[in-house]
Amino acid sequence: MPDQPETGQVRAAGAVLWRLTGPDSADLQVGIIHRPKYDDWSFPKGKLEPGEHVLRAAVREVAEETGLTVALGRRLPHVSYAYRGISKRVDYWAARVDGAALPFAPGDEVDRFEWLTAEQAGARLSYPHDVELLAEFSAGPLETVPFILLRHASAGRKSDWPADDIARPLDAQGTAEAEDLAGLLHCFGVAGAVSSPAERCLATVRPYASAVGADIAAEDAFLPAGESEFAAADAAAAMARLAAAGEPVIVCAHRENLPVLVEAACDQLQAVPPGGPRLHKAEFLVLHASAGKLAAAERHQARALGLALHRPR
């Protein structure tokens, strides 16, 4: 079911940071922070700035509190509690940290950052809801791969475009949405980009591809060609091949064929497609896969703060 925040809630976002110090899961460590103001141990997190998207907030807060730049992995359960009589919601993701990091710089808000085993972290954390979050993280897969299905941004009305519809460009709103999407999609790391050949789809992923240095592969099967069974079968087969490859990918397509693509990807990942309405323009669905199966799913709009969470069934 949709997991929508309440009106008037204080919104925050963060991550359960993890790394492997050896070749297997027994070498797992998670990162936790100490805040001198509260003398507590918790996961890095912080409040959304006015107008900030929850994805950007999660990545920003981790960077500000730990000095680490991360890519978000699977969505974890949100935490809700009352703070000084006000309802507060914190959205969390798992986030792997690889390679050498800059030395941690203590500050007024966070003065300690430590890597601990899950058992050690569970004993150190100050709040029961963080201990529960750690248990949820530990129960799921560590490594996940994002498959992102995106509906193109705003492109005006087909009836107002005098030329071939494949050449219809984004309008001013769509251009702004594409720029916003570049940063949001990058929150999940670097992925390949596959798009319908329609200009409105290519233009939607072009800012992201430019930002990460990726090429855009145009897939003819993702261009809507009516409601024929043959066209739907081609689109489904192309999507299944992408999901089977197991590499991070962003697929940009159309209202007409995105349901077919979502179903094909979920079939490949041995899961029932998430429920809910069709994707709106500039909205995207993230399927987090692990070992060829769906581990979690979430959907976001380019400029909306709302978030819908789905669990695989």
Protein backbone atom coordinates (compact mmCIF):
# COMPACT_ATOMS: atom_id res chain seq x y z
CA MET A 1 0.00 0.00 0.00
CA PRO A 2 1.13 3.59 -0.43
CA ASP A 3 3.22 4.79 2.48
CA GLN A 4 2.51 8.51 2.50
CA PRO A 5 3.78 10.92 5.17
CA GLU A 6 1.25 12.77 7.27
CA THR A 7 0.54 16.43 6.69
CA GLY A 8 2.54 18.60 9.08
CA GLN A 9 5.14 15.98 9.89
CA VAL A 10 8.76 16.93 10.33
CA ARG A 11 10.59 15.07 7.56
CA ALA A 12 14.09 13.69 7.79
CA ALA A 13 16.21 11.20 5.87
CA GLY A 14 19.33 9.13 6.41
CA ALA A 15 21.03 5.83 5.76
CA VAL A 16 22.37 2.70 7.34
CA LEU A 17 25.95 2.78 6.08
CA TRP A 18 27.72 -0.51 5.60
CA ARG A 19 30.98 -1.92 4.34
CA LEU A 20 32.78 -5.25 4.10
CA THR A 21 36.26 -5.56 5.55
CA GLY A 22 36.71 -9.03 4.09
CA PRO A 23 35.34 -11.38 1.44
CA ASP A 24 32.00 -12.35 2.96
CA SER A 25 29.09 -11.16 5.07
CA ALA A 26 30.84 -12.12 8.29
CA ASP A 27 33.06 -9.10 7.66
CA LEU A 28 30.12 -6.68 7.70
CA GLN A 29 30.41 -3.38 9.56
CA VAL A 30 27.86 -0.59 9.93
CA GLY A 31 28.57 3.07 10.61
CA ILE A 32 27.00 5.01 13.48
CA ILE A 33 27.46 8.54 14.76
CA HIS A 34 27.60 10.23 18.16
CA ARG A 35 25.87 13.58 18.68
CA PRO A 36 27.29 15.52 21.65
CA LYS A 37 24.16 17.69 22.00
CA TYR A 38 22.09 14.62 22.89
CA ASP A 39 24.94 12.30 23.93
CA ASP A 40 23.41 9.58 21.78
CA TRP A 41 24.44 7.06 19.11
CA SER A 42 22.35 6.75 15.97
CA PHE A 43 22.49 6.40 12.21
CA PRO A 44 23.38 9.50 10.16
CA LYS A 45 20.27 11.45 9.30
CA GLY A 46 18.82 14.95 9.26
CA LYS A 47 15.86 17.13 8.42
CA LEU A 48 14.88 18.00 4.87
CA GLU A 49 15.58 21.55 3.83
CA PRO A 50 12.57 23.54 2.50
CA GLY A 51 11.58 22.12 -0.87
CA GLU A 52 14.25 19.41 -0.75
CA HIS A 53 13.55 15.95 -2.13
CA VAL A 54 13.88 13.12 0.37
CA LEU A 55 16.47 11.32 -1.81
CA ARG A 56 18.73 14.33 -1.99
CA ALA A 57 18.33 14.89 1.75
CA ALA A 58 19.48 11.36 2.57
CA VAL A 59 22.65 11.68 0.49
CA ARG A 60 23.36 15.22 1.70
CA GLU A 61 22.92 14.41 5.38
CA VAL A 62 25.24 11.41 5.17
CA ALA A 63 27.88 13.59 3.49
CA GLU A 64 27.52 16.38 6.05
CA GLU A 65 27.66 14.11 9.09
CA THR A 66 30.26 11.57 7.98
CA GLY A 67 32.12 13.10 5.02
CA LEU A 68 31.08 10.14 2.85
CA THR A 69 29.43 10.34 -0.55
CA VAL A 70 27.17 7.33 -0.99
CA ALA A 71 24.79 5.75 -3.48
CA LEU A 72 21.49 4.63 -1.98
CA GLY A 73 20.61 0.96 -2.01
CA ARG A 74 17.40 -0.74 -0.98
CA ARG A 75 14.76 1.24 0.85
CA LEU A 76 14.42 0.40 4.54
CA PRO A 77 11.33 0.94 6.72
CA HIS A 78 10.80 4.51 7.83
CA VAL A 79 10.88 5.43 11.50
CA SER A 80 8.18 7.62 13.05
CA TYR A 81 8.15 9.08 16.54
CA ALA A 82 7.07 12.16 18.46
CA TYR A 83 9.69 14.82 19.12
CA ARG A 84 8.69 17.65 21.48
CA GLY A 85 5.05 16.93 20.73
CA ILE A 86 5.54 16.98 16.94
CA SER A 87 5.32 13.92 14.69
CA LYS A 88 8.63 13.17 12.97
CA ARG A 89 9.31 10.72 10.15
CA VAL A 90 12.75 9.57 9.05
CA ASP A 91 13.16 7.72 5.74
CA TYR A 92 16.15 5.38 5.49
CA TRP A 93 18.09 3.52 2.86
CA ALA A 94 20.91 1.02 3.00
CA ALA A 95 24.09 2.52 1.53
CA ARG A 96 27.35 0.75 0.85
CA VAL A 97 30.66 2.54 1.38
CA ASP A 98 33.53 1.33 -0.80
CA GLY A 99 37.20 2.23 -0.94
CA ALA A 100 39.19 4.68 1.10
CA ALA A 101 37.34 7.57 2.69
CA LEU A 102 38.56 10.95 3.84
CA PRO A 103 39.38 11.08 7.54
CA PHE A 104 36.33 11.89 9.63
CA ALA A 105 36.29 15.52 10.79
CA PRO A 106 34.52 15.95 14.16
CA GLY A 107 32.12 18.88 14.42
CA ASP A 108 29.64 20.45 16.79
CA GLU A 109 26.74 18.27 15.60
CA VAL A 110 28.63 14.98 15.19
CA ASP A 111 31.85 14.42 17.09
CA ARG A 112 32.38 10.68 16.55
CA PHE A 113 31.83 8.25 13.69
CA GLU A 114 32.60 4.58 14.18
CA TRP A 115 32.47 1.37 12.17
CA LEU A 116 31.18 -1.53 14.27
CA THR A 117 29.93 -5.04 13.73
CA ALA A 118 26.15 -5.31 13.64
CA GLU A 119 26.21 -6.86 17.13
CA GLN A 120 28.37 -4.06 18.50
CA ALA A 121 26.23 -1.40 16.84
CA GLY A 122 23.05 -2.92 18.24
CA ALA A 123 24.49 -2.67 21.73
CA ARG A 124 25.69 0.91 21.19
CA LEU A 125 22.61 2.47 19.56
CA SER A 126 20.63 4.69 21.92
CA TYR A 127 17.09 4.18 20.63
CA PRO A 128 14.97 1.02 20.25
CA HIS A 129 13.68 2.15 16.83
CA ASP A 130 17.26 2.26 15.54
CA VAL A 131 17.91 -1.23 16.89
CA GLU A 132 14.79 -2.42 15.04
CA LEU A 133 15.98 -0.68 11.87
CA LEU A 134 19.35 -2.42 12.17
CA ALA A 135 17.58 -5.77 12.52
CA GLU A 136 15.55 -5.07 9.38
CA PHE A 137 18.71 -4.11 7.51
CA SER A 138 20.54 -7.24 8.70
CA ALA A 139 17.65 -9.50 7.67
CA GLY A 140 17.75 -8.38 4.03
CA PRO A 141 20.30 -8.65 1.24
CA LEU A 142 23.36 -6.45 1.35
CA GLU A 143 24.05 -6.02 -2.35
CA THR A 144 21.21 -4.75 -4.51
CA VAL A 145 21.06 -3.53 -8.10
CA PRO A 146 18.66 -0.72 -9.11
CA PHE A 147 16.42 -1.13 -12.15
CA ILE A 148 14.72 2.24 -12.65
CA LEU A 149 11.67 2.64 -14.88
CA LEU A 150 10.95 6.26 -15.71
CA ARG A 151 8.09 7.96 -17.53
CA HIS A 152 9.26 10.86 -19.66
CA ALA A 153 8.89 14.42 -18.39
CA SER A 154 6.27 16.93 -19.49
CA ALA A 155 6.15 17.40 -23.27
CA GLY A 156 2.99 19.38 -23.88
CA ARG A 157 0.05 17.85 -25.75
CA LYS A 158 0.36 15.60 -28.75
CA SER A 159 -2.45 17.49 -30.49
CA ASP A 160 -0.45 20.74 -30.27
CA TRP A 161 2.65 19.33 -31.97
CA PRO A 162 2.45 19.67 -35.77
CA ALA A 163 5.30 17.33 -36.73
CA ASP A 164 6.02 13.63 -36.24
CA ASP A 165 5.26 12.72 -32.63
CA ILE A 166 8.61 10.97 -32.22
CA ALA A 167 10.25 14.39 -32.47
CA ARG A 168 8.01 16.11 -29.89
CA PRO A 169 10.32 17.85 -27.39
CA LEU A 170 10.00 18.51 -23.70
CA ASP A 171 8.25 21.73 -22.76
CA ALA A 172 9.66 24.22 -20.24
CA GLN A 173 8.29 22.26 -17.29
CA GLY A 174 9.67 19.01 -18.69
CA THR A 175 13.11 20.53 -19.20
CA ALA A 176 13.18 21.60 -15.55
CA GLU A 177 11.97 18.13 -14.48
CA ALA A 178 14.74 16.47 -16.49
CA GLU A 179 17.33 18.58 -14.69
CA ASP A 180 15.83 17.63 -11.33
CA LEU A 181 15.74 13.97 -12.33
CA ALA A 182 19.47 14.00 -13.11
CA GLY A 183 20.31 14.58 -9.46
CA LEU A 184 17.63 12.28 -8.08
CA LEU A 185 18.58 9.34 -10.29
CA HIS A 186 22.23 9.84 -9.38
CA CYS A 187 21.29 9.25 -5.73
CA PHE A 188 21.14 5.56 -6.69
CA GLY A 189 24.61 5.62 -8.25
CA VAL A 190 25.73 5.35 -11.85
CA ALA A 191 23.58 3.30 -14.21
CA GLY A 192 23.23 2.72 -17.90
CA ALA A 193 20.48 4.59 -19.74
CA VAL A 194 18.11 2.94 -22.20
CA SER A 195 15.37 5.02 -23.78
CA SER A 196 12.58 5.00 -26.28
CA PRO A 197 13.84 6.76 -29.44
CA ALA A 198 11.23 9.49 -28.91
CA GLU A 199 12.89 12.85 -28.28
CA ARG A 200 10.82 13.49 -25.14
CA CYS A 201 12.25 10.29 -23.60
CA LEU A 202 15.82 10.90 -24.74
CA ALA A 203 15.67 14.47 -23.44
CA THR A 204 14.40 13.25 -20.05
CA VAL A 205 17.51 11.14 -19.40
CA ARG A 206 20.02 13.33 -21.28
CA PRO A 207 20.95 15.53 -18.25
CA TYR A 208 21.55 12.42 -16.13
CA ALA A 209 23.62 10.72 -18.82
CA SER A 210 25.68 13.87 -19.29
CA ALA A 211 26.27 14.22 -15.56
CA VAL A 212 27.57 10.66 -15.10
CA GLY A 213 29.29 10.31 -18.48
CA ALA A 214 26.98 7.60 -19.78
CA ASP A 215 25.71 6.96 -23.28
CA ILE A 216 22.00 6.58 -23.98
CA ALA A 217 20.98 3.46 -25.86
CA ALA A 218 17.85 3.97 -27.94
CA GLU A 219 15.61 0.89 -27.88
CA ASP A 220 13.09 0.76 -30.73
CA ALA A 221 10.96 -1.74 -28.81
CA PHE A 222 10.26 0.94 -26.18
CA LEU A 223 8.55 3.22 -28.69
CA PRO A 224 4.79 2.72 -28.35
CA ALA A 225 3.42 1.17 -31.53
CA GLY A 226 -0.25 0.86 -30.74
CA GLU A 227 -1.80 -1.86 -28.68
CA SER A 228 -0.76 -4.84 -30.79
CA GLU A 229 0.29 -8.01 -29.02
CA PHE A 230 3.45 -8.17 -31.13
CA ALA A 231 4.65 -4.71 -30.03
CA ALA A 232 3.96 -5.52 -26.38
CA ALA A 233 5.86 -8.80 -26.69
CA ASP A 234 8.89 -7.02 -28.16
CA ALA A 235 8.92 -4.44 -25.38
CA ALA A 236 8.57 -7.12 -22.68
CA ALA A 237 11.36 -9.22 -24.16
CA ALA A 238 13.72 -6.22 -24.32
CA MET A 239 12.96 -5.31 -20.71
CA ALA A 240 13.41 -8.90 -19.54
CA ARG A 241 16.85 -8.98 -21.14
CA LEU A 242 17.87 -5.83 -19.30
CA ALA A 243 16.64 -7.17 -15.96
CA ALA A 244 18.35 -10.52 -16.57
CA ALA A 245 21.68 -8.78 -17.24
CA GLY A 246 21.84 -7.72 -13.58
CA GLU A 247 23.40 -4.31 -14.26
CA PRO A 248 22.06 -0.98 -12.97
CA VAL A 249 19.89 0.58 -15.66
CA ILE A 250 17.45 3.43 -16.18
CA VAL A 251 14.70 2.82 -18.74
CA CYS A 252 12.72 5.81 -19.99
CA ALA A 253 9.48 5.08 -21.82
CA HIS A 254 5.83 6.05 -22.24
CA ARG A 255 2.53 5.83 -20.41
CA GLU A 256 1.29 3.33 -23.00
CA ASN A 257 4.02 0.73 -22.52
CA LEU A 258 5.45 1.26 -19.02
CA PRO A 259 2.96 -1.19 -17.44
CA VAL A 260 4.24 -3.86 -19.85
CA LEU A 261 7.85 -3.03 -18.95
CA VAL A 262 7.18 -3.09 -15.20
CA GLU A 263 5.44 -6.44 -15.48
CA ALA A 264 8.25 -7.90 -17.59
CA ALA A 265 10.93 -6.70 -15.17
CA CYS A 266 9.04 -8.08 -12.16
CA ASP A 267 8.44 -11.40 -13.92
CA GLN A 268 12.17 -11.65 -14.50
CA LEU A 269 12.74 -10.83 -10.82
CA GLN A 270 10.18 -13.44 -9.70
CA ALA A 271 7.83 -10.91 -8.11
CA VAL A 272 4.34 -9.50 -8.45
CA PRO A 273 4.43 -5.95 -9.87
CA PRO A 274 3.91 -3.25 -7.23
CA GLY A 275 0.38 -1.92 -7.06
CA GLY A 276 -0.72 1.66 -7.41
CA PRO A 277 -1.62 3.96 -10.28
CA ARG A 278 0.38 4.28 -13.47
CA LEU A 279 3.48 6.44 -13.29
CA HIS A 280 2.89 10.14 -13.84
CA LYS A 281 5.15 12.18 -16.08
CA ALA A 282 8.64 12.52 -14.58
CA GLU A 283 7.84 9.82 -12.02
CA PHE A 284 10.00 6.73 -11.65
CA LEU A 285 9.87 3.29 -10.08
CA VAL A 286 13.01 1.78 -8.55
CA LEU A 287 13.20 -2.01 -8.43
CA HIS A 288 16.01 -3.11 -6.11
CA ALA A 289 17.16 -6.58 -7.11
CA SER A 290 19.39 -9.06 -5.32
CA ALA A 291 20.49 -12.43 -6.68
CA GLY A 292 17.97 -12.13 -9.49
CA LYS A 293 15.00 -11.45 -7.21
CA LEU A 294 13.13 -8.32 -6.19
CA ALA A 295 14.25 -7.12 -2.75
CA ALA A 296 12.39 -3.79 -2.50
CA ALA A 297 10.65 -1.19 -4.64
CA GLU A 298 9.87 2.50 -4.33
CA ARG A 299 8.55 5.29 -6.54
CA HIS A 300 9.29 8.99 -6.68
CA GLN A 301 8.24 12.08 -8.58
CA ALA A 302 10.82 14.57 -9.78
CA ARG A 303 9.74 17.42 -7.53
CA ALA A 304 7.44 15.83 -4.95
CA LEU A 305 8.46 15.16 -1.37
CA GLY A 306 5.98 12.32 -1.05
CA LEU A 307 7.25 8.77 -1.25
CA ALA A 308 5.44 5.50 -1.86
CA LEU A 309 7.03 2.31 -0.63
CA HIS A 310 6.26 -1.17 -1.90
CA ARG A 311 7.45 -4.50 -0.61
CA PRO A 312 7.81 -7.49 -2.95
CA ARG A 313 5.01 -10.02 -2.73
